[in-house]
C-alpha atoms as a PDB file:
ATOM      1  CA  MET A   1      51.815  30.092  40.144  1.00  0.00           C
ATOM      2  CA  THR A   2      54.288  26.466  39.789  1.00  0.00           C
ATOM      3  CA  SER A   3      52.839  23.558  38.943  1.00  0.00           C
ATOM      4  CA  ASN A   4      53.485  22.043  42.610  1.00  0.00           C
ATOM      5  CA  GLY A   5      51.134  24.832  44.017  1.00  0.00           C
ATOM      6  CA  VAL A   6      48.483  24.173  41.671  1.00  0.00           C
ATOM      7  CA  TYR A   7      48.812  20.363  42.670  1.00  0.00           C
ATOM      8  CA  ARG A   8      48.807  20.605  46.321  1.00  0.00           C
ATOM      9  CA  HIS A   9      45.423  21.917  46.089  1.00  0.00           C
ATOM     10  CA  LYS A  10      42.372  19.763  45.837  1.00  0.00           C
ATOM     11  CA  LEU A  11      40.168  21.236  43.488  1.00  0.00           C
ATOM     12  CA  PRO A  12      40.293  20.551  39.647  1.00  0.00           C
ATOM     13  CA  LEU A  13      42.974  22.293  37.739  1.00  0.00           C
ATOM     14  CA  ARG A  14      40.597  24.069  35.333  1.00  0.00           C
ATOM     15  CA  GLU A  15      38.919  25.698  38.967  1.00  0.00           C
ATOM     16  CA  ILE A  16      42.096  26.847  40.517  1.00  0.00           C
ATOM     17  CA  VAL A  17      43.166  28.253  36.655  1.00  0.00           C
ATOM     18  CA  SER A  18      40.039  30.239  36.783  1.00  0.00           C
ATOM     19  CA  GLY A  19      40.203  31.282  40.618  1.00  0.00           C
ATOM     20  CA  GLU A  20      43.746  32.985  39.329  1.00  0.00           C
ATOM     21  CA  ILE A  21      42.914  34.079  36.600  1.00  0.00           C
ATOM     22  CA  ARG A  22      39.966  35.847  38.084  1.00  0.00           C
ATOM     23  CA  THR A  23      41.225  37.067  40.848  1.00  0.00           C
ATOM     24  CA  ARG A  24      44.111  39.114  38.968  1.00  0.00           C
ATOM     25  CA  ILE A  25      40.753  40.698  36.538  1.00  0.00           C
ATOM     26  CA  LEU A  26      38.933  41.863  40.200  1.00  0.00           C
ATOM     27  CA  ASN A  27      42.715  43.002  41.238  1.00  0.00           C
ATOM     28  CA  GLY A  28      43.354  44.818  37.728  1.00  0.00           C
ATOM     29  CA  VAL A  29      46.433  42.585  36.799  1.00  0.00           C
ATOM     30  CA  TYR A  30      44.376  42.071  33.707  1.00  0.00           C
ATOM     31  CA  PRO A  31      42.603  45.367  33.034  1.00  0.00           C
ATOM     32  CA  PRO A  32      39.720  45.037  30.757  1.00  0.00           C
ATOM     33  CA  GLY A  33      40.973  44.927  26.739  1.00  0.00           C
ATOM     34  CA  SER A  34      43.876  42.783  28.238  1.00  0.00           C
ATOM     35  CA  ARG A  35      44.565  39.584  25.869  1.00  0.00           C
ATOM     36  CA  LEU A  36      44.659  36.049  27.409  1.00  0.00           C
ATOM     37  CA  VAL A  37      46.986  33.939  25.302  1.00  0.00           C
ATOM     38  CA  GLU A  38      46.138  30.232  26.655  1.00  0.00           C
ATOM     39  CA  ARG A  39      49.446  29.058  25.860  1.00  0.00           C
ATOM     40  CA  ASP A  40      51.302  31.876  28.145  1.00  0.00           C
ATOM     41  CA  LEU A  41      49.053  31.114  30.751  1.00  0.00           C
ATOM     42  CA  ALA A  42      50.229  27.383  30.402  1.00  0.00           C
ATOM     43  CA  ASP A  43      53.604  28.170  30.584  1.00  0.00           C
ATOM     44  CA  GLU A  44      53.541  30.555  33.584  1.00  0.00           C
ATOM     45  CA  PHE A  45      50.715  28.071  35.474  1.00  0.00           C
ATOM     46  CA  GLU A  46      52.876  25.453  34.698  1.00  0.00           C
ATOM     47  CA  VAL A  47      49.945  23.223  33.345  1.00  0.00           C
ATOM     48  CA  SER A  48      48.857  21.796  30.239  1.00  0.00           C
ATOM     49  CA  ARG A  49      46.910  23.961  27.863  1.00  0.00           C
ATOM     50  CA  PHE A  50      43.491  21.877  28.412  1.00  0.00           C
ATOM     51  CA  PRO A  51      42.911  23.567  31.711  1.00  0.00           C
ATOM     52  CA  VAL A  52      43.542  26.746  30.925  1.00  0.00           C
ATOM     53  CA  ARG A  53      41.545  26.306  27.985  1.00  0.00           C
ATOM     54  CA  GLU A  54      38.628  25.101  30.480  1.00  0.00           C
ATOM     55  CA  ALA A  55      38.925  28.015  32.648  1.00  0.00           C
ATOM     56  CA  LEU A  56      38.585  30.240  29.826  1.00  0.00           C
ATOM     57  CA  ARG A  57      35.686  28.982  29.098  1.00  0.00           C
ATOM     58  CA  ILE A  58      34.950  29.195  32.925  1.00  0.00           C
ATOM     59  CA  LEU A  59      34.814  32.188  32.851  1.00  0.00           C
ATOM     60  CA  THR A  60      33.279  32.941  29.097  1.00  0.00           C
ATOM     61  CA  GLN A  61      30.594  31.744  30.418  1.00  0.00           C
ATOM     62  CA  GLU A  62      30.934  34.057  33.882  1.00  0.00           C
ATOM     63  CA  GLY A  63      31.107  36.934  31.753  1.00  0.00           C
ATOM     64  CA  PHE A  64      34.495  38.346  32.790  1.00  0.00           C
ATOM     65  CA  VAL A  65      36.303  37.211  28.859  1.00  0.00           C
ATOM     66  CA  GLU A  66      34.740  37.140  25.620  1.00  0.00           C
ATOM     67  CA  ASN A  67      36.207  35.681  22.713  1.00  0.00           C
ATOM     68  CA  LEU A  68      36.858  38.435  19.941  1.00  0.00           C
ATOM     69  CA  PRO A  69      37.464  37.444  16.115  1.00  0.00           C
ATOM     70  CA  THR A  70      40.513  39.573  15.932  1.00  0.00           C
ATOM     71  CA  ARG A  71      42.136  39.056  19.361  1.00  0.00           C
ATOM     72  CA  GLY A  72      41.097  35.980  20.335  1.00  0.00           C
ATOM     73  CA  ILE A  73      40.675  35.876  24.558  1.00  0.00           C
ATOM     74  CA  VAL A  74      40.342  39.211  26.394  1.00  0.00           C
ATOM     75  CA  VAL A  75      38.897  40.419  29.195  1.00  0.00           C
ATOM     76  CA  LYS A  76      35.380  41.665  28.460  1.00  0.00           C
ATOM     77  CA  GLN A  77      35.255  45.993  28.608  1.00  0.00           C
ATOM     78  CA  LEU A  78      32.511  47.101  31.012  1.00  0.00           C
ATOM     79  CA  ASN A  79      29.074  48.221  28.895  1.00  0.00           C
ATOM     80  CA  ARG A  80      26.588  50.722  30.039  1.00  0.00           C
ATOM     81  CA  ARG A  81      23.336  47.818  28.851  1.00  0.00           C
ATOM     82  CA  GLU A  82      25.720  45.355  30.936  1.00  0.00           C
ATOM     83  CA  VAL A  83      26.118  47.388  33.850  1.00  0.00           C
ATOM     84  CA  GLU A  84      22.166  48.544  33.679  1.00  0.00           C
ATOM     85  CA  GLU A  85      21.162  45.127  33.795  1.00  0.00           C
ATOM     86  CA  ILE A  86      23.274  43.370  35.968  1.00  0.00           C
ATOM     87  CA  PHE A  87      22.074  46.113  38.630  1.00  0.00           C
ATOM     88  CA  ASP A  88      18.271  45.367  38.130  1.00  0.00           C
ATOM     89  CA  LEU A  89      18.792  42.080  38.435  1.00  0.00           C
ATOM     90  CA  ARG A  90      20.879  42.922  41.905  1.00  0.00           C
ATOM     91  CA  GLU A  91      17.840  45.020  43.071  1.00  0.00           C
ATOM     92  CA  ALA A  92      15.385  42.655  42.674  1.00  0.00           C
ATOM     93  CA  LEU A  93      17.705  39.578  44.326  1.00  0.00           C
ATOM     94  CA  GLU A  94      19.310  41.220  46.718  1.00  0.00           C
ATOM     95  CA  GLY A  95      16.547  42.963  48.121  1.00  0.00           C
ATOM     96  CA  LEU A  96      14.861  39.685  48.364  1.00  0.00           C
ATOM     97  CA  ALA A  97      18.066  37.997  49.867  1.00  0.00           C
ATOM     98  CA  SER A  98      17.665  40.620  52.587  1.00  0.00           C
ATOM     99  CA  ARG A  99      14.423  39.640  53.432  1.00  0.00           C
ATOM    100  CA  LEU A 100      14.701  36.336  53.899  1.00  0.00           C
ATOM    101  CA  ALA A 101      18.215  37.003  56.202  1.00  0.00           C
ATOM    102  CA  ALA A 102      15.799  39.256  58.103  1.00  0.00           C
ATOM    103  CA  LYS A 103      13.034  36.582  58.641  1.00  0.00           C
ATOM    104  CA  ARG A 104      16.170  34.020  59.724  1.00  0.00           C
ATOM    105  CA  VAL A 105      17.193  36.990  62.428  1.00  0.00           C
ATOM    106  CA  ALA A 106      14.031  36.848  63.653  1.00  0.00           C
ATOM    107  CA  SER A 107      13.959  33.377  64.388  1.00  0.00           C
ATOM    108  CA  GLY A 108      17.085  33.496  66.082  1.00  0.00           C
ATOM    109  CA  GLU A 109      19.487  32.757  63.583  1.00  0.00           C
ATOM    110  CA  VAL A 110      23.008  34.291  64.156  1.00  0.00           C
ATOM    111  CA  ASN A 111      25.136  36.366  60.876  1.00  0.00           C
ATOM    112  CA  ALA A 112      28.507  37.627  60.177  1.00  0.00           C
ATOM    113  CA  LEU A 113      27.606  40.879  59.187  1.00  0.00           C
ATOM    114  CA  GLU A 114      28.347  42.631  62.014  1.00  0.00           C
ATOM    115  CA  SER A 115      31.775  41.574  61.831  1.00  0.00           C
ATOM    116  CA  LEU A 116      31.970  42.371  58.006  1.00  0.00           C
ATOM    117  CA  VAL A 117      31.439  46.627  58.455  1.00  0.00           C
ATOM    118  CA  GLU A 118      33.957  46.372  61.236  1.00  0.00           C
ATOM    119  CA  SER A 119      36.507  44.896  58.771  1.00  0.00           C
ATOM    120  CA  SER A 120      35.885  46.952  56.479  1.00  0.00           C
ATOM    121  CA  ARG A 121      35.798  50.346  59.135  1.00  0.00           C
ATOM    122  CA  LYS A 122      39.151  49.313  60.283  1.00  0.00           C
ATOM    123  CA  ALA A 123      40.872  48.641  56.707  1.00  0.00           C
ATOM    124  CA  LEU A 124      39.530  51.986  55.351  1.00  0.00           C
ATOM    125  CA  LEU A 125      41.362  53.577  58.480  1.00  0.00           C
ATOM    126  CA  SER A 126      44.712  52.025  58.327  1.00  0.00           C
ATOM    127  CA  GLY A 127      44.808  52.707  54.113  1.00  0.00           C
ATOM    128  CA  ASP A 128      44.130  48.402  52.893  1.00  0.00           C
ATOM    129  CA  LEU A 129      41.628  49.381  50.389  1.00  0.00           C
ATOM    130  CA  ASP A 130      42.519  45.992  49.174  1.00  0.00           C
ATOM    131  CA  THR A 131      41.181  44.206  52.508  1.00  0.00           C
ATOM    132  CA  ALA A 132      38.187  47.224  52.632  1.00  0.00           C
ATOM    133  CA  HIS A 133      37.300  45.581  49.302  1.00  0.00           C
ATOM    134  CA  GLN A 134      37.140  42.106  50.246  1.00  0.00           C
ATOM    135  CA  SER A 135      35.372  43.126  53.607  1.00  0.00           C
ATOM    136  CA  ASN A 136      32.828  45.295  50.844  1.00  0.00           C
ATOM    137  CA  SER A 137      32.237  41.921  48.994  1.00  0.00           C
ATOM    138  CA  ALA A 138      32.216  39.324  51.688  1.00  0.00           C
ATOM    139  CA  PHE A 139      29.858  41.708  53.197  1.00  0.00           C
ATOM    140  CA  HIS A 140      27.100  41.184  50.361  1.00  0.00           C
ATOM    141  CA  ASP A 141      27.943  37.796  49.410  1.00  0.00           C
ATOM    142  CA  GLU A 142      27.852  36.628  53.521  1.00  0.00           C
ATOM    143  CA  ILE A 143      23.661  38.717  52.982  1.00  0.00           C
ATOM    144  CA  ILE A 144      23.057  35.921  49.820  1.00  0.00           C
ATOM    145  CA  SER A 145      24.694  32.800  51.634  1.00  0.00           C
ATOM    146  CA  PHE A 146      22.636  34.410  55.330  1.00  0.00           C
ATOM    147  CA  SER A 147      19.418  33.943  53.260  1.00  0.00           C
ATOM    148  CA  GLY A 148      19.146  30.250  53.385  1.00  0.00           C
ATOM    149  CA  ASN A 149      17.426  30.349  49.894  1.00  0.00           C
ATOM    150  CA  GLU A 150      19.925  27.802  48.042  1.00  0.00           C
ATOM    151  CA  THR A 151      18.484  28.464  44.439  1.00  0.00           C
ATOM    152  CA  LEU A 152      18.726  32.393  45.242  1.00  0.00           C
ATOM    153  CA  GLN A 153      22.209  31.585  45.949  1.00  0.00           C
ATOM    154  CA  ASP A 154      22.563  29.848  42.806  1.00  0.00           C
ATOM    155  CA  ILE A 155      21.040  32.537  40.547  1.00  0.00           C
ATOM    156  CA  LEU A 156      23.491  35.078  42.327  1.00  0.00           C
ATOM    157  CA  GLY A 157      26.830  33.169  42.199  1.00  0.00           C
ATOM    158  CA  PRO A 158      27.748  34.040  38.298  1.00  0.00           C
ATOM    159  CA  LEU A 159      26.494  37.251  38.964  1.00  0.00           C
ATOM    160  CA  MET A 160      28.308  38.299  42.394  1.00  0.00           C
ATOM    161  CA  GLY A 161      31.399  37.412  40.522  1.00  0.00           C
ATOM    162  CA  ARG A 162      31.264  40.525  37.990  1.00  0.00           C
ATOM    163  CA  LEU A 163      29.545  42.508  40.938  1.00  0.00           C
ATOM    164  CA  HIS A 164      32.820  42.135  42.800  1.00  0.00           C
ATOM    165  CA  TRP A 165      34.687  43.156  39.794  1.00  0.00           C
ATOM    166  CA  ILE A 166      32.193  46.712  39.609  1.00  0.00           C
ATOM    167  CA  PHE A 167      32.417  47.505  42.709  1.00  0.00           C
ATOM    168  CA  ARG A 168      36.490  47.880  42.469  1.00  0.00           C
ATOM    169  CA  GLN A 169      35.595  50.490  39.976  1.00  0.00           C
ATOM    170  CA  VAL A 170      34.302  53.032  42.308  1.00  0.00           C
ATOM    171  CA  SER A 171      36.240  53.659  45.877  1.00  0.00           C
ATOM    172  CA  ASP A 172      33.801  55.829  47.731  1.00  0.00           C
ATOM    173  CA  PHE A 173      34.502  54.187  50.682  1.00  0.00           C
ATOM    174  CA  GLU A 174      33.346  56.260  53.543  1.00  0.00           C
ATOM    175  CA  ARG A 175      29.820  55.625  51.730  1.00  0.00           C
ATOM    176  CA  VAL A 176      29.833  52.249  51.409  1.00  0.00           C
ATOM    177  CA  CYS A 177      30.627  51.686  55.075  1.00  0.00           C
ATOM    178  CA  ARG A 178      28.188  53.589  56.366  1.00  0.00           C
ATOM    179  CA  GLU A 179      25.613  51.889  53.401  1.00  0.00           C
ATOM    180  CA  HIS A 180      25.870  49.269  54.816  1.00  0.00           C
ATOM    181  CA  GLU A 181      26.159  49.698  58.905  1.00  0.00           C
ATOM    182  CA  THR A 182      22.827  50.670  57.823  1.00  0.00           C
ATOM    183  CA  LEU A 183      21.655  47.773  55.863  1.00  0.00           C
ATOM    184  CA  ARG A 184      23.195  45.582  58.784  1.00  0.00           C
ATOM    185  CA  GLU A 185      21.402  47.124  61.346  1.00  0.00           C
ATOM    186  CA  ALA A 186      17.578  46.649  58.954  1.00  0.00           C
ATOM    187  CA  ILE A 187      18.907  43.384  58.459  1.00  0.00           C
ATOM    188  CA  ASP A 188      19.692  42.669  62.291  1.00  0.00           C
ATOM    189  CA  SER A 189      16.261  44.159  63.470  1.00  0.00           C
ATOM    190  CA  GLY A 190      14.755  41.390  61.956  1.00  0.00           C
ATOM    191  CA  ASP A 191      12.303  43.512  59.657  1.00  0.00           C
ATOM    192  CA  PRO A 192      12.099  41.794  56.600  1.00  0.00           C
ATOM    193  CA  ASP A 193      10.715  45.075  54.920  1.00  0.00           C
ATOM    194  CA  ARG A 194      12.650  46.980  57.099  1.00  0.00           C
ATOM    195  CA  ALA A 195      15.774  44.993  55.219  1.00  0.00           C
ATOM    196  CA  ALA A 196      14.203  44.757  51.875  1.00  0.00           C
ATOM    197  CA  ALA A 197      13.597  48.218  51.237  1.00  0.00           C
ATOM    198  CA  GLU A 198      16.972  48.972  52.906  1.00  0.00           C
ATOM    199  CA  ALA A 199      18.337  46.502  50.367  1.00  0.00           C
ATOM    200  CA  GLU A 200      17.278  48.246  47.329  1.00  0.00           C
ATOM    201  CA  ARG A 201      17.965  51.827  48.354  1.00  0.00           C
ATOM    202  CA  HIS A 202      21.620  50.740  48.644  1.00  0.00           C
ATOM    203  CA  VAL A 203      21.752  49.585  45.052  1.00  0.00           C
ATOM    204  CA  LEU A 204      19.789  52.357  43.576  1.00  0.00           C
ATOM    205  CA  SER A 205      22.861  54.838  45.269  1.00  0.00           C
ATOM    206  CA  TYR A 206      25.907  52.143  44.284  1.00  0.00           C
ATOM    207  CA  ARG A 207      23.860  51.805  40.683  1.00  0.00           C
ATOM    208  CA  THR A 208      23.774  55.608  40.425  1.00  0.00           C
ATOM    209  CA  ARG A 209      27.661  56.405  41.482  1.00  0.00           C
ATOM    210  CA  THR A 210      28.758  53.562  39.318  1.00  0.00           C
ATOM    211  CA  LEU A 211      26.944  54.858  36.017  1.00  0.00           C
ATOM    212  CA  GLU A 212      28.408  58.126  36.889  1.00  0.00           C
ATOM    213  CA  TYR A 213      32.083  56.925  37.746  1.00  0.00           C
ATOM    214  CA  LEU A 214      32.242  54.449  34.693  1.00  0.00           C
ATOM    215  CA  PHE A 215      30.032  56.542  31.682  1.00  0.00           C
ATOM    216  CA  SER A 216      30.147  59.996  32.461  1.00  0.00           C
END
């Protein structure tokens, strides 16, 4: 990223820099344990150290990085307790989001879930795993957005960033696509109870596979 590229955006520099660092963490460019040196990042992005410092503060609040006494700012290591707590919250809140989304379908509202499932399926068939990851993450973002509950979106916003990070640790794409299609059908049926139950089943299924993959 060059300074010219940075300044072409209308967002504050801290948000642009934090977004770029967050993307690199999600994509594995900065794996867990990587040191993030303020001076080096400022040189790379060709900005002053202040927006980098602010960006790292944002990412610390979101749970992507932490400040260790002996190493400075590093990308956080995933630990079992934190992953379990995130899934506990996700089970409750995404079940609610799916329930609200189904109610909106019943009232005639239209969502983008079907196109996102199809995008993920096509990416999987073509071997484009990065697009598959993006589509699968966007699927969950769409459920939350389509719920229409702004407070729920505010609560889940920071959590979803870390969830997308966790999603990338497990690559059972075929099963994820099947479960997303089943959840999409439940939401688009307009039945809130069915949608909430299916969302909870999907979360529990993914929780089991994630914990087995990361900590077994």
